[in-house]
Protein backbone atom coordinates (compact mmCIF):
# COMPACT_ATOMS: atom_id res chain seq x y z
CA MET A 1 20.09 32.19 -1.74
CA THR A 2 20.50 34.41 1.18
CA THR A 3 18.69 35.84 4.00
CA SER A 4 18.02 39.29 5.21
CA ALA A 5 20.41 40.28 7.85
CA PRO A 6 19.55 43.38 10.83
CA GLU A 7 21.06 46.75 9.82
CA GLY A 8 24.89 46.50 10.11
CA GLU A 9 25.65 42.75 10.04
CA THR A 10 26.40 40.65 7.09
CA ALA A 11 23.47 38.67 5.27
CA ARG A 12 24.54 35.08 5.30
CA PRO A 13 23.80 31.84 3.11
CA LEU A 14 20.69 30.04 3.98
CA ARG A 15 22.22 26.46 4.42
CA ILE A 16 19.48 23.93 2.90
CA ARG A 17 19.77 20.83 5.23
CA ARG A 18 19.70 17.43 2.75
CA PRO A 19 17.83 14.79 3.60
CA TRP A 20 20.53 12.14 2.47
CA HIS A 21 22.29 11.49 5.32
CA ARG A 22 18.90 9.99 6.94
CA THR A 23 18.28 8.19 3.61
CA LYS A 24 21.41 6.58 3.74
CA VAL A 25 20.64 5.40 7.50
CA ALA A 26 17.08 4.27 7.00
CA LEU A 27 18.84 2.61 3.80
CA GLY A 28 21.51 0.80 6.29
CA LEU A 29 18.32 -0.37 9.05
CA ILE A 30 16.45 -1.97 5.95
CA VAL A 31 19.64 -3.71 4.52
CA ALA A 32 20.56 -4.74 8.61
CA VAL A 33 17.10 -5.24 9.01
CA THR A 34 16.85 -7.91 6.24
CA ALA A 35 20.19 -9.51 6.60
CA VAL A 36 18.88 -10.19 10.32
CA ILE A 37 15.46 -12.07 8.59
CA ALA A 38 17.67 -13.73 5.64
CA LEU A 39 19.79 -15.61 8.43
CA VAL A 40 17.24 -16.47 10.92
CA GLY A 41 15.26 -17.81 8.12
CA ALA A 42 18.29 -20.00 7.39
CA LEU A 43 18.68 -21.07 10.62
CA THR A 44 15.00 -21.97 11.90
CA PRO A 45 11.78 -22.49 10.00
CA TRP A 46 9.74 -20.53 12.73
CA PRO A 47 9.05 -16.80 11.37
CA SER A 48 8.18 -18.09 7.90
CA ALA A 49 6.10 -21.17 9.47
CA MET A 50 4.03 -18.39 11.77
CA LEU A 51 3.44 -16.23 8.59
CA ILE A 52 1.81 -19.09 6.71
CA ARG A 53 -0.23 -20.43 9.82
CA ALA A 54 -2.09 -17.10 10.20
CA VAL A 55 -2.59 -16.71 6.51
CA PHE A 56 -4.06 -20.39 6.65
CA THR A 57 -5.42 -19.88 10.19
CA LYS A 58 -7.68 -16.79 8.78
CA GLY A 59 -8.71 -18.46 5.48
CA GLY A 60 -9.80 -21.66 7.85
CA ASP A 61 -11.62 -19.69 9.63
CA GLU A 62 -13.86 -18.11 6.39
CA THR A 63 -14.11 -21.02 4.99
CA ALA A 64 -16.21 -23.04 8.16
CA ALA A 65 -18.10 -19.57 8.46
CA GLU A 66 -19.16 -20.45 4.70
CA MET A 67 -19.91 -24.14 5.90
CA ASP A 68 -21.93 -23.29 8.27
CA LYS A 69 -24.57 -21.91 6.70
CA HIS A 70 -25.04 -25.32 4.72
CA VAL A 71 -25.40 -27.28 8.01
CA PRO A 72 -29.06 -28.88 7.77
CA ASP A 73 -31.22 -28.18 10.98
CA THR A 74 -31.37 -32.14 11.91
CA ALA A 75 -30.69 -32.71 15.57
CA LEU A 76 -27.65 -34.45 16.20
CA THR A 77 -25.45 -35.71 19.28
CA GLU A 78 -21.78 -33.75 19.97
CA GLN A 79 -19.33 -35.24 21.97
CA LEU A 80 -16.55 -32.38 21.90
CA ASP A 81 -12.88 -32.51 22.85
CA VAL A 82 -13.42 -35.83 23.75
CA ALA A 83 -9.27 -37.01 24.95
CA TYR A 84 -8.03 -39.87 23.22
CA ALA A 85 -4.68 -39.44 24.72
CA ASP A 86 -2.57 -37.74 27.21
CA GLY A 87 -1.73 -34.60 25.21
CA GLY A 88 -4.23 -31.85 26.12
CA ALA A 89 -5.75 -29.78 23.56
CA ASP A 90 -3.43 -31.66 20.75
CA THR A 91 -4.89 -34.90 21.23
CA THR A 92 -9.06 -34.28 21.44
CA MET A 93 -11.37 -35.20 19.10
CA ASP A 94 -14.95 -34.17 18.11
CA VAL A 95 -17.64 -37.07 17.43
CA PHE A 96 -21.09 -36.39 15.86
CA SER A 97 -24.18 -38.51 15.12
CA PRO A 98 -27.40 -38.21 14.64
CA ALA A 99 -29.55 -37.51 17.36
CA SER A 100 -32.29 -40.41 16.28
CA ALA A 101 -29.46 -43.06 16.18
CA THR A 102 -30.16 -45.95 18.51
CA GLY A 103 -26.98 -47.89 17.81
CA PRO A 104 -23.97 -47.71 16.24
CA LEU A 105 -23.21 -46.34 12.76
CA PRO A 106 -20.74 -46.30 9.95
CA THR A 107 -18.05 -43.82 11.01
CA VAL A 108 -15.89 -40.58 9.19
CA VAL A 109 -12.66 -40.21 10.81
CA TRP A 110 -11.70 -37.05 9.13
CA ILE A 111 -8.15 -35.67 9.74
CA HIS A 112 -7.98 -31.95 9.41
CA GLY A 113 -5.44 -30.53 6.61
CA GLY A 114 -3.21 -26.82 6.77
CA ALA A 115 -0.24 -27.58 5.82
CA TRP A 116 1.07 -29.78 8.70
CA ILE A 117 1.47 -26.65 10.44
CA SER A 118 -1.71 -24.95 10.90
CA GLY A 119 -5.36 -25.95 11.28
CA ALA A 120 -7.53 -27.68 13.74
CA LYS A 121 -10.56 -30.13 14.19
CA GLU A 122 -13.37 -27.20 14.50
CA ASN A 123 -12.38 -26.27 10.85
CA VAL A 124 -13.78 -29.27 9.79
CA ASP A 125 -16.44 -29.35 12.22
CA PRO A 126 -19.14 -28.05 10.37
CA TYR A 127 -18.40 -30.59 7.49
CA MET A 128 -18.60 -33.45 9.69
CA ARG A 129 -21.91 -32.25 10.83
CA ILE A 130 -23.65 -31.80 7.32
CA LEU A 131 -22.24 -35.91 6.83
CA ALA A 132 -23.60 -37.14 10.22
CA ALA A 133 -26.90 -35.57 9.29
CA GLU A 134 -26.61 -38.49 6.21
CA GLY A 135 -26.75 -40.78 8.71
CA PHE A 136 -22.80 -41.50 9.77
CA THR A 137 -21.05 -40.90 12.99
CA THR A 138 -18.38 -38.36 12.29
CA ILE A 139 -15.18 -37.72 13.82
CA ALA A 140 -12.87 -34.94 13.53
CA VAL A 141 -9.24 -35.57 14.68
CA ASN A 142 -6.55 -33.52 16.53
CA TYR A 143 -3.11 -34.01 16.15
CA THR A 144 -0.04 -31.83 17.13
CA ILE A 145 1.30 -29.79 14.27
CA GLY A 146 4.53 -28.53 13.62
CA PRO A 147 6.69 -27.02 14.42
CA GLU A 148 5.48 -27.85 17.89
CA GLY A 149 5.66 -31.53 16.85
CA VAL A 150 7.95 -33.53 14.75
CA TYR A 151 7.24 -36.65 12.37
CA PRO A 152 6.54 -39.08 13.05
CA LEU A 153 4.70 -37.68 15.91
CA ALA A 154 1.16 -36.80 14.19
CA VAL A 155 0.86 -40.64 12.91
CA HIS A 156 1.75 -42.41 15.71
CA GLN A 157 -1.15 -39.74 18.02
CA LEU A 158 -3.50 -40.55 14.74
CA ASN A 159 -2.71 -44.51 15.36
CA ASP A 160 -3.71 -43.48 19.30
CA ALA A 161 -6.92 -41.84 17.71
CA LEU A 162 -7.71 -44.71 15.62
CA ALA A 163 -7.16 -47.14 18.76
CA TYR A 164 -8.96 -45.10 21.11
CA ILE A 165 -11.99 -45.24 18.62
CA ASP A 166 -11.80 -48.78 18.67
CA ALA A 167 -11.82 -49.27 22.32
CA HIS A 168 -14.63 -46.84 22.66
CA ALA A 169 -17.08 -47.54 19.50
CA ASP A 170 -19.81 -48.10 21.51
CA GLU A 171 -19.89 -44.65 23.47
CA LEU A 172 -19.05 -42.87 20.87
CA GLY A 173 -21.79 -44.62 18.14
CA VAL A 174 -19.29 -45.88 16.29
CA ASP A 175 -19.22 -48.95 13.89
CA PRO A 176 -15.76 -50.36 14.54
CA ASP A 177 -16.11 -52.41 11.43
CA ARG A 178 -17.23 -49.62 9.11
CA ILE A 179 -15.02 -47.14 9.57
CA VAL A 180 -13.90 -44.46 6.66
CA LEU A 181 -10.52 -42.44 6.55
CA ALA A 182 -10.58 -39.29 5.40
CA GLY A 183 -8.51 -36.20 4.77
CA ASP A 184 -8.15 -32.78 3.28
CA SER A 185 -4.56 -31.52 2.02
CA ALA A 186 -2.35 -32.54 4.60
CA GLY A 187 -5.11 -34.25 6.32
CA GLY A 188 -5.41 -36.29 2.81
CA GLN A 189 -1.75 -37.33 3.41
CA LEU A 190 -1.98 -38.26 6.67
CA ALA A 191 -5.37 -40.26 5.81
CA SER A 192 -3.72 -41.84 2.92
CA GLN A 193 -0.92 -42.91 5.32
CA MET A 194 -3.06 -44.28 8.19
CA ALA A 195 -4.67 -46.37 5.51
CA THR A 196 -1.29 -47.58 4.10
CA LEU A 197 -0.39 -48.92 8.01
CA MET A 198 -3.76 -50.31 8.02
CA THR A 199 -2.94 -52.68 4.57
CA SER A 200 0.62 -52.86 4.52
CA ALA A 201 2.63 -55.06 6.74
CA ASP A 202 5.97 -53.65 4.91
CA TYR A 203 4.55 -50.04 5.65
CA ALA A 204 3.99 -50.73 9.14
CA ASP A 205 7.39 -52.54 9.72
CA ILE A 206 9.01 -49.42 8.22
CA MET A 207 7.42 -47.00 10.21
CA GLY A 208 7.92 -49.09 13.44
CA ILE A 209 4.03 -48.78 14.38
CA THR A 210 1.72 -51.25 14.82
CA PRO A 211 -1.44 -50.70 13.30
CA ALA A 212 -4.64 -49.85 15.66
CA LEU A 213 -7.41 -51.18 13.20
CA ARG A 214 -7.36 -54.43 11.20
CA ASP A 215 -7.49 -53.64 7.74
CA ASP A 216 -11.06 -55.33 7.29
CA GLN A 217 -12.33 -52.38 9.64
CA VAL A 218 -11.04 -49.54 6.74
CA VAL A 219 -13.61 -50.27 4.39
CA ALA A 220 -12.83 -46.80 2.39
CA THR A 221 -10.59 -43.76 2.25
CA VAL A 222 -11.73 -40.22 0.94
CA LEU A 223 -9.43 -38.03 0.14
CA ASN A 224 -9.48 -34.57 -0.93
CA CYS A 225 -6.06 -32.41 -2.73
CA GLY A 226 -3.86 -34.14 -0.34
CA VAL A 227 -0.12 -34.46 -1.16
CA TYR A 228 1.27 -38.61 -1.72
CA ASP A 229 4.70 -37.85 -3.51
CA LEU A 230 7.14 -35.86 -1.52
CA ALA A 231 9.61 -35.61 -4.26
CA ALA A 232 7.34 -33.94 -6.46
CA LEU A 233 6.59 -31.41 -4.08
CA ALA A 234 10.57 -30.98 -3.49
CA ALA A 235 10.82 -29.96 -6.84
CA LEU A 236 8.07 -27.19 -7.16
CA ASP A 237 9.18 -23.21 -7.57
CA GLY A 238 7.85 -20.36 -6.72
CA VAL A 239 5.79 -18.78 -3.84
CA VAL A 240 3.70 -22.41 -3.48
CA GLY A 241 7.04 -23.93 -3.46
CA TRP A 242 8.22 -22.10 -0.99
CA GLY A 243 5.00 -22.39 1.22
CA LEU A 244 5.29 -25.51 1.22
CA LYS A 245 9.06 -26.29 1.44
CA THR A 246 8.94 -24.49 4.52
CA SER A 247 5.82 -26.42 5.99
CA MET A 248 7.46 -29.79 5.20
CA TRP A 249 10.95 -28.40 7.25
CA ALA A 250 8.94 -27.41 10.27
CA TYR A 251 6.78 -30.22 10.22
CA SER A 252 9.84 -32.54 9.83
CA GLY A 253 12.22 -30.78 11.64
CA THR A 254 14.87 -30.82 9.14
CA LYS A 255 15.72 -28.96 5.71
CA THR A 256 16.64 -32.54 4.23
CA TRP A 257 13.20 -33.84 4.76
CA ALA A 258 13.14 -34.46 0.72
CA GLU A 259 16.34 -36.83 1.12
CA ASP A 260 15.60 -38.20 4.24
CA SER A 261 13.10 -41.44 5.86
CA THR A 262 10.66 -38.51 5.93
CA GLY A 263 10.09 -37.58 2.63
CA ALA A 264 10.38 -41.53 1.74
CA THR A 265 8.12 -42.30 4.31
CA MET A 266 5.37 -39.66 4.08
CA SER A 267 4.92 -40.65 -0.04
CA THR A 268 2.38 -42.89 -0.02
CA ILE A 269 2.05 -43.37 -3.44
CA ASP A 270 5.31 -45.38 -3.12
CA TRP A 271 3.89 -47.61 -0.30
CA VAL A 272 0.27 -48.58 -1.26
CA THR A 273 -0.82 -52.02 -2.44
CA ALA A 274 -3.53 -53.79 -3.88
CA ASP A 275 -5.20 -54.23 -0.39
CA PHE A 276 -5.46 -50.11 -0.37
CA PRO A 277 -9.26 -49.54 0.30
CA PRO A 278 -11.61 -48.30 -1.80
CA THR A 279 -10.84 -44.51 -2.34
CA TYR A 280 -12.54 -41.70 -3.30
CA ILE A 281 -10.00 -38.98 -4.83
CA SER A 282 -10.70 -35.09 -6.04
CA GLY A 283 -8.86 -31.93 -6.44
CA GLY A 284 -9.86 -28.71 -8.19
CA ASN A 285 -8.72 -27.87 -11.84
CA GLY A 286 -7.07 -25.24 -10.46
CA ASP A 287 -5.09 -26.38 -7.80
CA GLY A 288 -1.51 -27.20 -9.22
CA LEU A 289 -1.43 -30.41 -6.55
CA THR A 290 -4.40 -31.50 -8.54
CA TRP A 291 -2.23 -32.60 -10.95
CA LEU A 292 0.84 -33.06 -9.58
CA GLN A 293 -0.54 -35.11 -7.02
CA SER A 294 -4.25 -36.40 -6.46
CA ILE A 295 -4.06 -36.98 -10.31
CA PRO A 296 -1.28 -39.57 -10.11
CA MET A 297 -2.36 -41.37 -6.51
CA ALA A 298 -5.37 -42.09 -8.26
CA LYS A 299 -3.50 -43.51 -11.38
CA ARG A 300 -1.40 -45.77 -9.06
CA LEU A 301 -4.25 -47.61 -7.31
CA ASP A 302 -5.84 -47.80 -10.34
CA GLU A 303 -2.93 -49.63 -11.58
CA LEU A 304 -2.95 -51.64 -8.25
CA GLY A 305 -6.53 -52.79 -8.77
CA VAL A 306 -7.93 -50.49 -6.13
CA ASP A 307 -11.08 -49.19 -6.17
CA VAL A 308 -11.35 -45.77 -6.99
CA THR A 309 -13.49 -43.25 -7.90
CA THR A 310 -12.61 -39.74 -8.82
CA LEU A 311 -13.93 -36.37 -9.12
CA PHE A 312 -11.71 -34.28 -11.47
CA TRP A 313 -12.46 -31.35 -13.56
CA PRO A 314 -11.35 -30.55 -16.90
CA ALA A 315 -8.72 -28.36 -17.21
CA PRO A 316 -10.45 -24.91 -18.69
CA HIS A 317 -13.11 -25.41 -16.55
CA GLU A 318 -14.72 -22.43 -15.16
CA PRO A 319 -14.76 -20.93 -12.24
CA ALA A 320 -11.16 -22.44 -11.80
CA LEU A 321 -11.75 -24.47 -8.35
CA PRO A 322 -8.87 -23.53 -6.01
CA HIS A 323 -7.23 -25.87 -3.26
CA GLU A 324 -9.81 -27.25 -0.86
CA TYR A 325 -12.70 -26.48 -3.32
CA GLN A 326 -14.96 -29.14 -1.89
CA PHE A 327 -15.26 -27.13 1.30
CA HIS A 328 -16.69 -23.93 -0.18
CA LEU A 329 -19.86 -25.14 -0.62
CA ASP A 330 -21.39 -21.59 -2.06
CA MET A 331 -19.95 -22.99 -5.29
CA PRO A 332 -22.37 -25.73 -7.02
CA ASP A 333 -19.19 -27.39 -7.67
CA ALA A 334 -18.40 -28.23 -3.80
CA GLN A 335 -22.23 -29.63 -3.49
CA THR A 336 -21.78 -31.89 -6.16
CA ALA A 337 -18.58 -33.24 -4.50
CA LEU A 338 -20.25 -33.74 -1.15
CA GLN A 339 -22.77 -35.37 -2.53
CA LYS A 340 -20.12 -37.81 -4.94
CA THR A 341 -18.56 -38.10 -1.39
CA ILE A 342 -22.01 -39.20 0.29
CA ASP A 343 -22.76 -41.47 -2.23
CA PHE A 344 -19.47 -42.88 -1.75
CA VAL A 345 -19.48 -43.45 1.81
CA ASN A 346 -23.28 -45.06 1.33
CA ALA A 347 -22.21 -47.63 -1.31
CA HIS A 348 -19.08 -48.79 0.64
CA THR A 349 -20.51 -48.68 4.18
CA THR A 350 -24.16 -50.29 3.16
C-alpha cells in the first residue's frame, strides 16, 4: 500500500504501526502485577482478608436490613455501646430488654459471626430486638476480629464480657443464673468455646483462662451454622476452602493454625463433655458446613448424653438453605428456626 505524493516526489509505502509492542508491554505488566499479588498473598493474609471482609460486610448489612422489617413494635429498653473493658469499640455490647420488665430476665448473650475477620454486634441487633420482645434480655457482644486481633484475644475478651455481665447484672436487667450463650457462624464456634470453658476444667486449664461464670449459670447454648472441627475445615478445597483458610490465617496469625494449638483448642468437638449445656444446633441444607460441622457436633453431644435439640433439613429440601439461613426472615424456614429458638430458650430458662 502506498500514499500519493506531491508532483515531483516519489510515493512512499504506508507504514502501519502494529500494536503488538503495546500488547507485550500490557502482558508484561499483568504478569508483574500478578506476581506481586501472589508474593504478597504468600507473605500476609491482609489483602485477601480485606477482600473477604468487604464481601461479608456487604452481606451482613443486607441481612440486617432484611431482619429489621421483622422487628415487632414492642417497646424495648436499649443500652447501646456499653463498654465491658478498655478496648474501644471492640469491647462494647448492646443490651435489649422489654420496657415492661420489672426485674432481671433470662438472658441471651449472642456472639456475631463473620469468619472471625468481619462482622459486628450491629449485624445481629435486629435479631436481638426480636428475641427481647419475647421476654428476654438479649446482648450482642463485640470482640476484636482478625487480622487486627490474634487468637485467643477474642476468647479472653468474651470472657471479660461475661464477667462484666455477671458483675452488672442488675443494671443490665440480667438474671445471672439463667444465661444462654449463642452465636452464628464464627460466633457459633466462639459460643461453643465459651460454653466449653465454663463446663470443662481441663479445657479451661489448657486455655489458661479462669472462666467468668460458673457452669450452672450457663443454662443452654444456641449454635447456628458454626465451626467445631478445624481439621475438617483445613481439608476443604475450592473457593470456600480458600476463604476459610485465609480467614483462619488472619485470625490466628499463622499459616500453621491447623497443626498447632490454635486448631486444636478451637476444635470444641474434641473438648466438649457430658456437662456441656443443653444445646440447640442448626444449619441449612445448602450450607456445606452443616454436613461437615454442625451435624457431627450434634452427634458428638448426643453421644455424651447432652440434651440436644436440632433443626436440620433434608438434603433435597427446596429451596436449599444457605449459610446463616436463620437470619433471612423473609423465608418461611427462617421463621421456623426463629420460633424453634424461642421455644428452646423458653424451655431452658423457665
